[in-house]
Amino acid sequence: MKKVTKFVCVAAALVLSVAMLLTGCVVAPVTPQSPSSPQDSTAGNTPVAPAKEAAELIWYLVGPQQEPETDKILEAANTYLKDKLNVKINLTVLGYGDPYNNKVNTMLAAGDRIDICFTAGWAADIKANSAAGYFRELDSYLAKSSTITDIVGKAFMEGIKINGKTYAVPCRKEQVHNWGFIIKKDLAQKYNVNPADIKTMEDMEPIFETIKKNEPGTYPLLVVEGEAPFKLLDWDVISDDSIPGALYPDNRDTKIINQFLAPESIAMYKKMREYMQNGYIPADAATMQNFNDHLKTGNYFAICQSMKPGKAAEMTATTGVEWLDVNITKPVMANRDASGGALLAIPTSAKYPDQAFAFIEMLYTDKYLNNLFVYGIENEHYVKVSDNVVKLTDNTGYRAGNGWRFGDQFLNYLMDNEDPNKWEQFVAYNGQAFVLDSLGFSFDRTPVDAEHAACKAVTETYYKQLFTGSVDVDSTVKQMEADFKAAGVDKLIAEMQRQYDAWLASK
């Protein structure tokens, strides 16, 4: 295939489908303007017919562990929702990685009731749970109401379909990705670290050494679960991050490889091993969870993150610690940004699916409700600086933040430490992305479901240890390679290649 570097125009930044590559641009959506008070706010959906008693919606969400004053926010939300939809929200927030995945995946498999569920390629796996029949098809709802489609964009909604069906609706946020670090602001200033001077991970190493020598009790690098420098390789994964099978992220060719055994990956494992031996990474990194909880301690200088405009400001609000952005990789538009991003699903075990969809729709249209979940209660958890700018109070009982989980992030107030042009920057950020040739390809794992599951189990056996530098690399990689072989990785990748070649030929 001819190697072509493709850039999308600003207007097409909010589109994620193959059609976007072949047609003209669309007008970028305007940030919705909704009232900031419950008295004036209106939702963009038709309320569900009232029931005698409020329908209780059980909602599972990934993020920082349940904040102490979540119940207070829920009380305010439920008071507001009583007249709007006659529903009551029962929200449980579980930490990133295993805490969320283990709990929610177990509940889904058991048929336990969940009315609303956050899902992504990395959280309650959208593809796996859809294929298993655990998520309800939402196309009938979307056919009745175009609200979410109009806000997110038709082409992007097409991009998140699995085998032509919609199993979750995507939150409106950045629609491309890049990787980098957030670094602790006070230490960066203390040691005259300019984020703009850092272009590679190797540029971080002298800083890590300085922190190690001069800041007792502070680790230079936090590596927890998927928040690892391994992400800087930015493999164009065919299934998801835990499954072997990926393309290089520069459109160099169409050959799918086992990225976990690629020379670049092995070099990264060895780099992490070096960092561990140098004392840059905590010795128990392989068993650590809930990276936000660790960041809140202020005992870490840096962590690898998925970046976007205003990332550091967002993490400052979430953790109560001030951070700075360090961008390493360039923005890329890939399949992970659609089905792998941030979505809301209605499980088949839901008791109130109609009310659940109506509530989800409100998260895209109702500014008061959206910001209530993002920032908490006005004059208690934040104060208004201006009509659309807020300052967080010292009340740390609610620092939910992470507005990308709540429908339309463009409804969010701006924090006083954020650029007033943040949302314009999002549009520009989306518009400068390098577009991968694989954009729009969806892998059907059905023919190799057994091999897919077996290979995932192998990855989960080894990846934490290798990503954190906790084990000898050469011997561990040798054993992992043998286990992948026994799990049927060759058959899995061959099927991926067959489907991808057929898809390319059909374009």
Protein backbone atom coordinates (compact mmCIF):
# COMPACT_ATOMS: atom_id res chain seq x y z
CA MET A 1 0.00 0.00 0.00
CA LYS A 2 1.20 3.43 -0.86
CA LYS A 3 2.21 5.25 2.27
CA VAL A 4 0.40 8.53 2.51
CA THR A 5 0.39 10.93 5.42
CA LYS A 6 -3.15 12.13 5.84
CA PHE A 7 -4.38 15.06 7.83
CA VAL A 8 -7.99 15.95 8.41
CA CYS A 9 -9.37 19.45 8.38
CA VAL A 10 -10.76 21.09 11.45
CA ALA A 11 -14.34 20.51 10.45
CA ALA A 12 -13.79 16.80 10.02
CA ALA A 13 -12.20 16.54 13.44
CA LEU A 14 -15.41 15.35 14.97
CA VAL A 15 -15.82 12.48 12.51
CA LEU A 16 -14.41 9.03 12.82
CA SER A 17 -15.29 6.83 9.85
CA VAL A 18 -13.86 5.91 6.53
CA ALA A 19 -16.31 8.19 4.80
CA MET A 20 -14.56 11.07 6.52
CA LEU A 21 -11.44 10.31 4.59
CA LEU A 22 -13.14 10.35 1.26
CA THR A 23 -15.63 13.20 1.44
CA GLY A 24 -15.69 16.88 2.34
CA CYS A 25 -15.82 18.38 5.75
CA VAL A 26 -18.78 18.95 8.01
CA VAL A 27 -19.39 21.94 10.20
CA ALA A 28 -17.98 21.47 13.69
CA PRO A 29 -20.76 21.38 16.29
CA VAL A 30 -21.27 24.50 18.36
CA THR A 31 -20.88 24.11 22.09
CA PRO A 32 -24.40 23.75 23.48
CA GLN A 33 -25.55 26.64 25.63
CA SER A 34 -27.69 25.42 28.48
CA PRO A 35 -28.67 27.15 31.69
CA SER A 36 -26.57 26.65 34.82
CA SER A 37 -29.40 26.39 37.34
CA PRO A 38 -32.03 23.73 37.83
CA GLN A 39 -34.79 26.32 37.70
CA ASP A 40 -33.99 27.30 34.11
CA SER A 41 -32.50 24.09 32.71
CA THR A 42 -34.30 21.99 30.14
CA ALA A 43 -33.35 18.60 28.76
CA GLY A 44 -33.33 17.87 25.04
CA ASN A 45 -35.32 14.64 25.30
CA THR A 46 -38.97 13.76 25.78
CA PRO A 47 -39.47 12.62 29.37
CA VAL A 48 -40.49 9.05 29.97
CA ALA A 49 -44.09 8.70 31.15
CA PRO A 50 -44.07 9.12 34.95
CA ALA A 51 -44.41 6.02 37.07
CA LYS A 52 -45.98 5.89 40.50
CA GLU A 53 -42.55 5.49 42.04
CA ALA A 54 -39.25 6.79 40.75
CA ALA A 55 -37.38 4.23 38.67
CA GLU A 56 -34.05 3.51 40.34
CA LEU A 57 -31.24 3.40 37.77
CA ILE A 58 -28.19 1.42 38.82
CA TRP A 59 -25.20 3.09 37.18
CA TYR A 60 -21.62 1.79 37.20
CA LEU A 61 -18.90 4.26 36.26
CA VAL A 62 -15.12 4.03 36.03
CA GLY A 63 -12.97 6.74 37.60
CA PRO A 64 -11.46 7.88 40.87
CA GLN A 65 -12.83 5.76 43.69
CA GLN A 66 -16.20 6.82 45.10
CA GLU A 67 -15.80 10.32 46.52
CA PRO A 68 -16.93 10.87 50.13
CA GLU A 69 -19.70 13.32 49.17
CA THR A 70 -21.05 11.40 46.17
CA ASP A 71 -24.25 10.73 48.12
CA LYS A 72 -24.79 14.49 48.51
CA ILE A 73 -24.42 14.99 44.74
CA LEU A 74 -26.81 12.10 44.10
CA GLU A 75 -29.36 13.65 46.45
CA ALA A 76 -29.24 16.90 44.46
CA ALA A 77 -29.40 15.02 41.16
CA ASN A 78 -32.32 12.88 42.26
CA THR A 79 -34.28 15.89 43.46
CA TYR A 80 -33.78 17.46 40.06
CA LEU A 81 -34.54 14.26 38.13
CA LYS A 82 -37.75 13.55 40.05
CA ASP A 83 -39.68 16.10 38.04
CA LYS A 84 -37.72 15.63 34.83
CA LEU A 85 -37.83 11.87 34.38
CA ASN A 86 -39.14 10.46 37.65
CA VAL A 87 -35.94 8.47 38.08
CA LYS A 88 -33.49 7.99 40.94
CA ILE A 89 -29.78 7.44 40.31
CA ASN A 90 -27.83 4.83 42.26
CA LEU A 91 -24.22 5.47 41.22
CA THR A 92 -21.18 3.33 41.99
CA VAL A 93 -17.74 4.56 40.89
CA LEU A 94 -14.94 1.99 40.81
CA GLY A 95 -11.23 2.59 40.23
CA TYR A 96 -9.51 2.24 36.87
CA GLY A 97 -8.34 -1.19 35.75
CA ASP A 98 -9.05 -4.28 37.81
CA PRO A 99 -11.40 -2.73 40.39
CA TYR A 100 -13.84 -1.71 37.67
CA ASN A 101 -13.29 -4.51 35.17
CA ASN A 102 -13.41 -7.37 37.64
CA LYS A 103 -16.59 -6.15 39.32
CA VAL A 104 -18.55 -5.06 36.27
CA ASN A 105 -17.52 -7.93 33.98
CA THR A 106 -18.48 -10.42 36.70
CA MET A 107 -21.86 -8.76 37.18
CA LEU A 108 -22.55 -8.69 33.43
CA ALA A 109 -21.66 -12.36 33.03
CA ALA A 110 -23.87 -13.30 35.99
CA GLY A 111 -26.81 -11.31 34.66
CA ASP A 112 -26.82 -9.05 37.71
CA ARG A 113 -28.83 -5.93 37.21
CA ILE A 114 -27.05 -2.85 35.83
CA ASP A 115 -29.07 -0.14 34.09
CA ILE A 116 -26.20 2.01 32.80
CA CYS A 117 -22.60 0.97 32.34
CA PHE A 118 -19.47 2.85 31.26
CA THR A 119 -17.61 0.89 28.61
CA ALA A 120 -14.58 1.25 26.36
CA GLY A 121 -11.84 -0.88 24.85
CA TRP A 122 -10.10 -0.67 28.23
CA ALA A 123 -13.07 -0.77 30.63
CA ALA A 124 -15.83 -3.41 30.60
CA ASP A 125 -14.63 -4.20 27.08
CA ILE A 126 -17.20 -2.88 24.60
CA LYS A 127 -16.46 -5.50 21.93
CA ALA A 128 -16.30 -8.51 24.23
CA ASN A 129 -19.43 -7.65 26.19
CA SER A 130 -21.38 -6.75 23.05
CA ALA A 131 -20.39 -10.03 21.40
CA ALA A 132 -21.42 -11.91 24.53
CA GLY A 133 -24.89 -10.36 24.39
CA TYR A 134 -24.49 -8.38 27.62
CA PHE A 135 -25.21 -4.96 26.07
CA ARG A 136 -28.55 -3.94 24.62
CA GLU A 137 -28.77 -2.76 20.99
CA LEU A 138 -29.55 0.96 21.02
CA ASP A 139 -30.43 1.59 17.38
CA SER A 140 -34.19 1.66 18.08
CA TYR A 141 -33.68 4.46 20.62
CA LEU A 142 -31.41 6.38 18.27
CA ALA A 143 -33.98 6.04 15.49
CA LYS A 144 -36.64 7.65 17.69
CA SER A 145 -34.41 10.49 18.91
CA SER A 146 -31.55 12.06 16.96
CA THR A 147 -30.31 14.13 19.92
CA ILE A 148 -27.10 12.20 20.62
CA THR A 149 -26.38 11.59 16.94
CA ASP A 150 -26.77 15.29 16.16
CA ILE A 151 -24.36 16.23 18.97
CA VAL A 152 -21.70 13.58 18.37
CA GLY A 153 -21.94 13.46 14.55
CA LYS A 154 -23.45 10.86 12.22
CA ALA A 155 -20.16 9.56 10.86
CA PHE A 156 -18.67 9.12 14.32
CA MET A 157 -21.78 7.21 15.38
CA GLU A 158 -21.21 4.94 12.39
CA GLY A 159 -17.62 4.44 13.52
CA ILE A 160 -18.62 2.98 16.90
CA LYS A 161 -20.94 0.34 15.46
CA ILE A 162 -20.03 -3.32 15.85
CA ASN A 163 -21.20 -5.52 12.98
CA GLY A 164 -23.55 -2.74 11.96
CA LYS A 165 -25.22 -2.35 15.36
CA THR A 166 -24.90 0.25 18.11
CA TYR A 167 -24.32 -1.16 21.58
CA ALA A 168 -23.20 2.02 23.35
CA VAL A 169 -23.19 5.76 22.71
CA PRO A 170 -19.87 7.64 22.67
CA CYS A 171 -19.19 10.55 24.96
CA ARG A 172 -18.36 13.74 23.08
CA LYS A 173 -14.74 14.61 23.79
CA GLU A 174 -11.45 14.57 21.90
CA GLN A 175 -11.68 12.12 18.99
CA VAL A 176 -7.99 11.54 18.45
CA HIS A 177 -5.20 10.62 20.85
CA ASN A 178 -1.56 11.07 21.71
CA TRP A 179 0.62 9.96 24.61
CA GLY A 180 2.88 11.74 27.01
CA PHE A 181 3.40 12.48 30.71
CA ILE A 182 1.97 14.72 33.33
CA ILE A 183 4.68 15.98 35.70
CA LYS A 184 4.41 17.54 39.14
CA LYS A 185 4.43 21.31 38.76
CA ASP A 186 6.26 22.29 41.95
CA LEU A 187 9.15 19.90 41.31
CA ALA A 188 9.35 20.90 37.64
CA GLN A 189 9.69 24.54 38.68
CA LYS A 190 12.15 23.69 41.46
CA TYR A 191 14.51 21.98 39.02
CA ASN A 192 13.89 24.31 36.05
CA VAL A 193 12.19 21.67 33.92
CA ASN A 194 10.56 23.13 30.80
CA PRO A 195 7.96 20.68 29.43
CA ALA A 196 8.48 22.04 25.90
CA ASP A 197 12.10 20.82 26.00
CA ILE A 198 11.04 17.20 26.55
CA LYS A 199 10.56 15.39 23.24
CA THR A 200 11.24 11.74 24.15
CA MET A 201 11.06 9.49 27.17
CA GLU A 202 14.86 9.49 27.25
CA ASP A 203 14.72 13.26 27.82
CA MET A 204 12.98 12.48 31.11
CA GLU A 205 15.77 10.29 32.44
CA PRO A 206 18.11 13.02 33.80
CA ILE A 207 15.09 14.52 35.56
CA PHE A 208 14.18 11.13 37.03
CA GLU A 209 17.72 10.83 38.37
CA THR A 210 17.56 14.32 39.90
CA ILE A 211 14.28 13.50 41.65
CA LYS A 212 15.65 10.18 42.89
CA LYS A 213 18.74 11.84 44.42
CA ASN A 214 17.16 14.97 45.85
CA GLU A 215 13.55 14.18 46.77
CA PRO A 216 13.37 11.43 49.40
CA GLY A 217 9.93 9.88 49.56
CA THR A 218 9.09 10.86 45.97
CA TYR A 219 9.26 8.32 43.17
CA PRO A 220 10.22 9.70 39.74
CA LEU A 221 7.66 7.57 37.87
CA LEU A 222 4.32 5.99 38.72
CA VAL A 223 3.49 2.93 36.60
CA VAL A 224 0.08 1.46 37.41
CA GLU A 225 -1.90 -0.98 35.29
CA GLY A 226 -2.32 0.54 31.83
CA GLU A 227 -0.74 3.89 32.74
CA ALA A 228 2.66 2.77 31.51
CA PRO A 229 5.31 4.15 29.11
CA PHE A 230 4.59 1.10 26.94
CA LYS A 231 1.70 3.19 25.58
CA LEU A 232 4.23 5.58 24.01
CA LEU A 233 4.74 2.93 21.31
CA ASP A 234 1.11 3.60 20.34
CA TRP A 235 0.52 0.29 18.57
CA ASP A 236 -2.44 0.33 16.18
CA VAL A 237 -4.18 -2.60 17.84
CA ILE A 238 -6.59 -4.76 15.86
CA SER A 239 -8.70 -5.96 18.78
CA ASP A 240 -7.74 -4.25 22.04
CA ASP A 241 -4.67 -3.48 24.12
CA SER A 242 -4.58 -6.89 25.79
CA ILE A 243 -4.76 -8.93 22.56
CA PRO A 244 -1.74 -9.68 20.32
CA GLY A 245 -2.19 -8.32 16.82
CA ALA A 246 -1.28 -4.79 15.76
CA LEU A 247 0.01 -2.57 12.98
CA TYR A 248 2.79 -0.03 13.28
CA PRO A 249 1.24 3.41 13.93
CA ASP A 250 2.88 5.09 10.93
CA ASN A 251 1.13 3.32 8.04
CA ARG A 252 4.43 1.72 7.01
CA ASP A 253 2.79 -1.49 5.80
CA THR A 254 -0.27 -3.71 6.16
CA LYS A 255 1.37 -6.58 8.05
CA ILE A 256 -0.18 -7.45 11.40
CA ILE A 257 2.31 -8.60 14.04
CA ASN A 258 2.36 -9.68 17.67
CA GLN A 259 3.22 -6.31 19.19
CA PHE A 260 4.15 -7.80 22.55
CA LEU A 261 7.13 -9.55 20.93
CA ALA A 262 8.20 -6.73 18.61
CA PRO A 263 11.77 -5.41 19.06
CA GLU A 264 10.42 -2.00 20.11
CA SER A 265 8.31 -3.58 22.85
CA ILE A 266 11.14 -5.72 24.17
CA ALA A 267 13.36 -2.62 24.27
CA MET A 268 10.65 -0.87 26.31
CA TYR A 269 10.43 -3.79 28.75
CA LYS A 270 14.19 -3.55 29.25
CA LYS A 271 13.99 0.20 29.76
CA MET A 272 11.36 -0.32 32.47
CA ARG A 273 13.54 -2.97 34.07
CA GLU A 274 16.38 -0.46 34.15
CA TYR A 275 14.08 2.14 35.75
CA MET A 276 12.95 -0.35 38.36
CA GLN A 277 16.53 -1.28 39.23
CA ASN A 278 17.44 2.42 39.44
CA GLY A 279 14.67 2.99 41.96
CA TYR A 280 12.60 5.21 39.69
CA ILE A 281 9.55 2.93 39.98
CA PRO A 282 8.10 1.49 43.24
CA ALA A 283 9.03 -2.13 43.80
CA ASP A 284 5.37 -3.14 44.14
CA ALA A 285 4.30 -1.46 40.89
CA ALA A 286 2.96 -4.70 39.39
CA THR A 287 0.31 -4.97 42.12
CA MET A 288 -0.60 -1.29 42.49
CA GLN A 289 -4.06 -0.13 41.43
CA ASN A 290 -6.11 3.08 41.24
CA PHE A 291 -3.47 5.47 39.91
CA ASN A 292 -5.54 8.52 40.87
CA ASP A 293 -5.33 7.55 44.53
CA HIS A 294 -1.56 7.38 44.28
CA LEU A 295 -1.33 10.70 42.45
CA LYS A 296 -3.35 12.37 45.20
CA THR A 297 -0.53 11.63 47.67
CA GLY A 298 1.85 13.92 45.79
CA ASN A 299 4.58 11.27 46.13
CA TYR A 300 5.20 10.84 42.40
CA PHE A 301 6.84 13.14 39.87
CA ALA A 302 5.45 11.74 36.61
CA ILE A 303 2.99 9.30 35.08
CA CYS A 304 2.40 8.34 31.44
CA GLN A 305 -1.06 9.38 30.22
CA SER A 306 -3.28 9.70 27.20
CA MET A 307 -3.03 13.42 26.42
CA LYS A 308 -5.35 16.14 25.14
CA PRO A 309 -5.69 19.93 25.51
CA GLY A 310 -5.94 20.82 29.19
CA LYS A 311 -4.99 17.35 30.44
CA ALA A 312 -2.83 18.66 33.31
CA ALA A 313 -5.53 21.09 34.46
CA GLU A 314 -8.07 18.27 34.44
CA MET A 315 -5.80 16.01 36.49
CA THR A 316 -5.08 18.87 38.88
CA ALA A 317 -8.79 19.14 39.58
CA THR A 318 -9.12 15.38 39.99
CA THR A 319 -6.17 14.84 42.32
CA GLY A 320 -5.72 18.15 44.13
CA VAL A 321 -2.06 18.17 43.00
CA GLU A 322 -0.81 20.61 40.34
CA TRP A 323 0.52 19.05 37.12
CA LEU A 324 2.05 20.12 33.80
CA ASP A 325 1.61 18.53 30.35
CA VAL A 326 4.47 16.83 28.51
CA ASN A 327 3.45 15.64 25.03
CA ILE A 328 5.63 12.93 23.49
CA THR A 329 3.78 11.34 20.55
CA LYS A 330 1.86 13.14 17.80
CA PRO A 331 -1.97 13.10 17.59
CA VAL A 332 -3.31 10.06 15.75
CA MET A 333 -6.82 9.19 14.59
CA ALA A 334 -7.39 5.46 15.05
CA ASN A 335 -10.08 2.90 15.75
CA ARG A 336 -9.26 3.06 19.46
CA ASP A 337 -10.70 6.57 19.49
CA ALA A 338 -14.13 5.28 18.47
CA SER A 339 -15.00 1.95 20.06
CA GLY A 340 -12.04 2.18 22.40
CA GLY A 341 -12.81 5.63 23.77
CA ALA A 342 -15.52 6.40 26.31
CA LEU A 343 -19.06 5.10 25.89
CA LEU A 344 -22.25 4.53 27.87
CA ALA A 345 -24.13 1.24 27.45
CA ILE A 346 -27.40 -0.19 28.70
CA PRO A 347 -26.87 -3.83 29.73
CA THR A 348 -29.45 -6.46 28.81
CA SER A 349 -29.93 -6.96 32.55
CA ALA A 350 -31.31 -3.40 32.91
CA LYS A 351 -34.69 -3.15 34.63
CA TYR A 352 -35.48 0.29 33.20
CA PRO A 353 -33.84 0.55 29.75
CA ASP A 354 -36.18 3.30 28.49
CA GLN A 355 -35.52 5.51 31.49
CA ALA A 356 -31.83 4.70 31.33
CA PHE A 357 -31.61 5.96 27.75
CA ALA A 358 -33.59 9.09 28.59
CA PHE A 359 -31.18 9.83 31.45
CA ILE A 360 -28.14 9.20 29.25
CA GLU A 361 -29.59 11.62 26.71
CA MET A 362 -29.86 14.29 29.40
CA LEU A 363 -26.10 14.03 29.99
CA TYR A 364 -25.70 15.35 26.42
CA THR A 365 -28.22 18.18 26.73
CA ASP A 366 -28.63 19.38 30.30
CA LYS A 367 -25.80 21.63 31.42
CA TYR A 368 -26.86 21.74 35.06
CA LEU A 369 -27.08 17.96 35.41
CA ASN A 370 -23.84 17.35 33.52
CA ASN A 371 -21.84 19.79 35.65
CA LEU A 372 -23.43 18.52 38.85
CA PHE A 373 -21.76 15.15 38.25
CA VAL A 374 -18.52 16.72 37.02
CA TYR A 375 -17.98 19.43 39.66
CA GLY A 376 -20.53 18.90 42.43
CA ILE A 377 -22.72 21.54 44.09
CA GLU A 378 -22.23 25.25 43.43
CA ASN A 379 -20.89 27.27 46.40
CA GLU A 380 -19.94 24.07 48.16
CA HIS A 381 -17.61 22.18 45.84
CA TYR A 382 -17.00 25.08 43.44
CA VAL A 383 -17.81 28.77 43.00
CA LYS A 384 -18.62 30.64 39.82
CA VAL A 385 -15.88 33.01 38.64
CA SER A 386 -17.95 33.99 35.62
CA ASP A 387 -20.87 32.53 33.73
CA ASN A 388 -18.90 29.56 32.40
CA VAL A 389 -15.75 29.55 34.59
CA VAL A 390 -15.52 27.94 38.03
CA LYS A 391 -12.99 27.70 40.83
CA LEU A 392 -12.87 24.58 42.98
CA THR A 393 -13.20 25.08 46.73
CA ASP A 394 -11.05 23.45 49.37
CA ASN A 395 -13.80 20.89 49.95
CA THR A 396 -12.06 17.74 48.74
CA GLY A 397 -15.06 15.55 49.45
CA TYR A 398 -15.99 15.67 45.78
CA ARG A 399 -13.35 15.88 43.07
CA ALA A 400 -14.97 13.72 40.43
CA GLY A 401 -13.70 15.74 37.45
CA ASN A 402 -13.06 13.67 34.33
CA GLY A 403 -15.96 15.20 32.44
CA TRP A 404 -15.28 12.96 29.45
CA ARG A 405 -17.31 10.24 31.21
CA PHE A 406 -20.55 12.21 31.30
CA GLY A 407 -22.07 12.50 27.84
CA ASP A 408 -21.10 15.81 26.23
CA GLN A 409 -17.89 17.19 27.73
CA PHE A 410 -18.40 20.43 25.82
CA LEU A 411 -21.14 21.23 28.37
CA ASN A 412 -18.52 21.39 31.13
CA TYR A 413 -17.68 24.64 32.85
CA LEU A 414 -14.08 25.70 32.44
CA MET A 415 -11.89 25.78 35.53
CA ASP A 416 -10.12 29.00 36.37
CA ASN A 417 -6.75 27.37 35.60
CA GLU A 418 -7.85 26.30 32.10
CA ASP A 419 -7.38 28.08 28.82
CA PRO A 420 -10.59 30.01 27.97
CA ASN A 421 -10.24 28.65 24.42
CA LYS A 422 -10.13 25.03 25.56
CA TRP A 423 -12.93 23.77 23.35
CA GLU A 424 -11.55 25.58 20.32
CA GLN A 425 -8.25 23.85 21.09
CA PHE A 426 -10.07 20.51 21.09
CA VAL A 427 -11.30 21.18 17.57
CA ALA A 428 -7.80 22.15 16.43
CA TYR A 429 -6.31 19.12 18.20
CA ASN A 430 -8.70 16.79 16.41
CA GLY A 431 -7.92 18.51 13.14
CA GLN A 432 -4.15 17.95 13.19
CA ALA A 433 -4.34 14.19 13.57
CA PHE A 434 -2.42 11.70 11.46
CA VAL A 435 -5.01 9.27 10.12
CA LEU A 436 -4.22 5.58 10.20
CA ASP A 437 -4.98 3.44 7.15
CA SER A 438 -6.87 0.99 9.39
CA LEU A 439 -9.47 3.59 10.41
CA GLY A 440 -12.92 2.04 10.03
CA PHE A 441 -11.80 -1.60 10.19
CA SER A 442 -13.64 -3.76 12.71
CA PHE A 443 -12.29 -7.20 13.59
CA ASP A 444 -14.81 -10.03 14.01
CA ARG A 445 -13.26 -12.38 16.52
CA THR A 446 -15.97 -15.04 16.22
CA PRO A 447 -13.91 -17.46 14.02
CA VAL A 448 -11.06 -17.43 16.57
CA ASP A 449 -12.91 -16.74 19.80
CA ALA A 450 -11.11 -19.51 21.69
CA GLU A 451 -7.68 -18.32 20.57
CA HIS A 452 -8.64 -14.70 21.32
CA ALA A 453 -9.57 -15.60 24.91
CA ALA A 454 -6.51 -17.82 25.39
CA CYS A 455 -4.12 -15.13 24.15
CA LYS A 456 -5.76 -12.53 26.36
CA ALA A 457 -5.10 -14.79 29.35
CA VAL A 458 -1.42 -15.01 28.38
CA THR A 459 -1.13 -11.23 28.14
CA GLU A 460 -2.75 -10.79 31.53
CA THR A 461 -0.30 -13.26 33.03
CA TYR A 462 2.76 -11.29 31.98
CA TYR A 463 1.97 -7.70 31.00
CA LYS A 464 1.95 -6.08 34.41
CA GLN A 465 5.31 -7.55 35.28
CA LEU A 466 6.91 -6.57 31.96
CA PHE A 467 5.32 -3.11 31.73
CA THR A 468 6.52 -2.24 35.23
CA GLY A 469 10.04 -3.67 34.97
CA SER A 470 9.35 -6.17 37.75
CA VAL A 471 10.91 -9.27 36.11
CA ASP A 472 13.89 -10.35 34.06
CA VAL A 473 12.99 -9.51 30.50
CA ASP A 474 14.73 -12.16 28.40
CA SER A 475 13.49 -15.19 30.34
CA THR A 476 9.97 -13.78 30.77
CA VAL A 477 9.61 -12.88 27.11
CA LYS A 478 10.80 -16.37 26.12
CA GLN A 479 8.15 -17.98 28.31
CA MET A 480 5.46 -15.53 27.12
CA GLU A 481 6.30 -16.33 23.49
CA ALA A 482 5.91 -20.05 24.16
CA ASP A 483 2.60 -19.50 25.94
CA PHE A 484 1.28 -17.34 23.09
CA LYS A 485 2.24 -20.12 20.67
CA ALA A 486 0.35 -22.69 22.72
CA ALA A 487 -2.65 -20.37 22.96
CA GLY A 488 -2.98 -20.21 19.17
CA VAL A 489 -1.56 -16.76 18.48
CA ASP A 490 -0.54 -17.72 14.93
CA LYS A 491 -4.11 -18.68 14.06
CA LEU A 492 -5.45 -15.52 15.68
CA ILE A 493 -3.13 -13.18 13.78
CA ALA A 494 -3.68 -15.06 10.52
CA GLU A 495 -7.43 -14.49 10.86
CA MET A 496 -6.85 -10.82 11.66
CA GLN A 497 -4.69 -10.52 8.55
CA ARG A 498 -7.26 -12.30 6.38
CA GLN A 499 -10.06 -9.96 7.47
CA TYR A 500 -7.92 -6.85 7.21
CA ASP A 501 -6.69 -7.70 3.71
CA ALA A 502 -10.27 -8.32 2.60
CA TRP A 503 -11.37 -5.00 4.07
CA LEU A 504 -8.56 -3.13 2.34
CA ALA A 505 -9.42 -4.77 -0.97
CA SER A 506 -13.05 -3.68 -0.60
CA LYS A 507 -12.23 0.02 -0.11
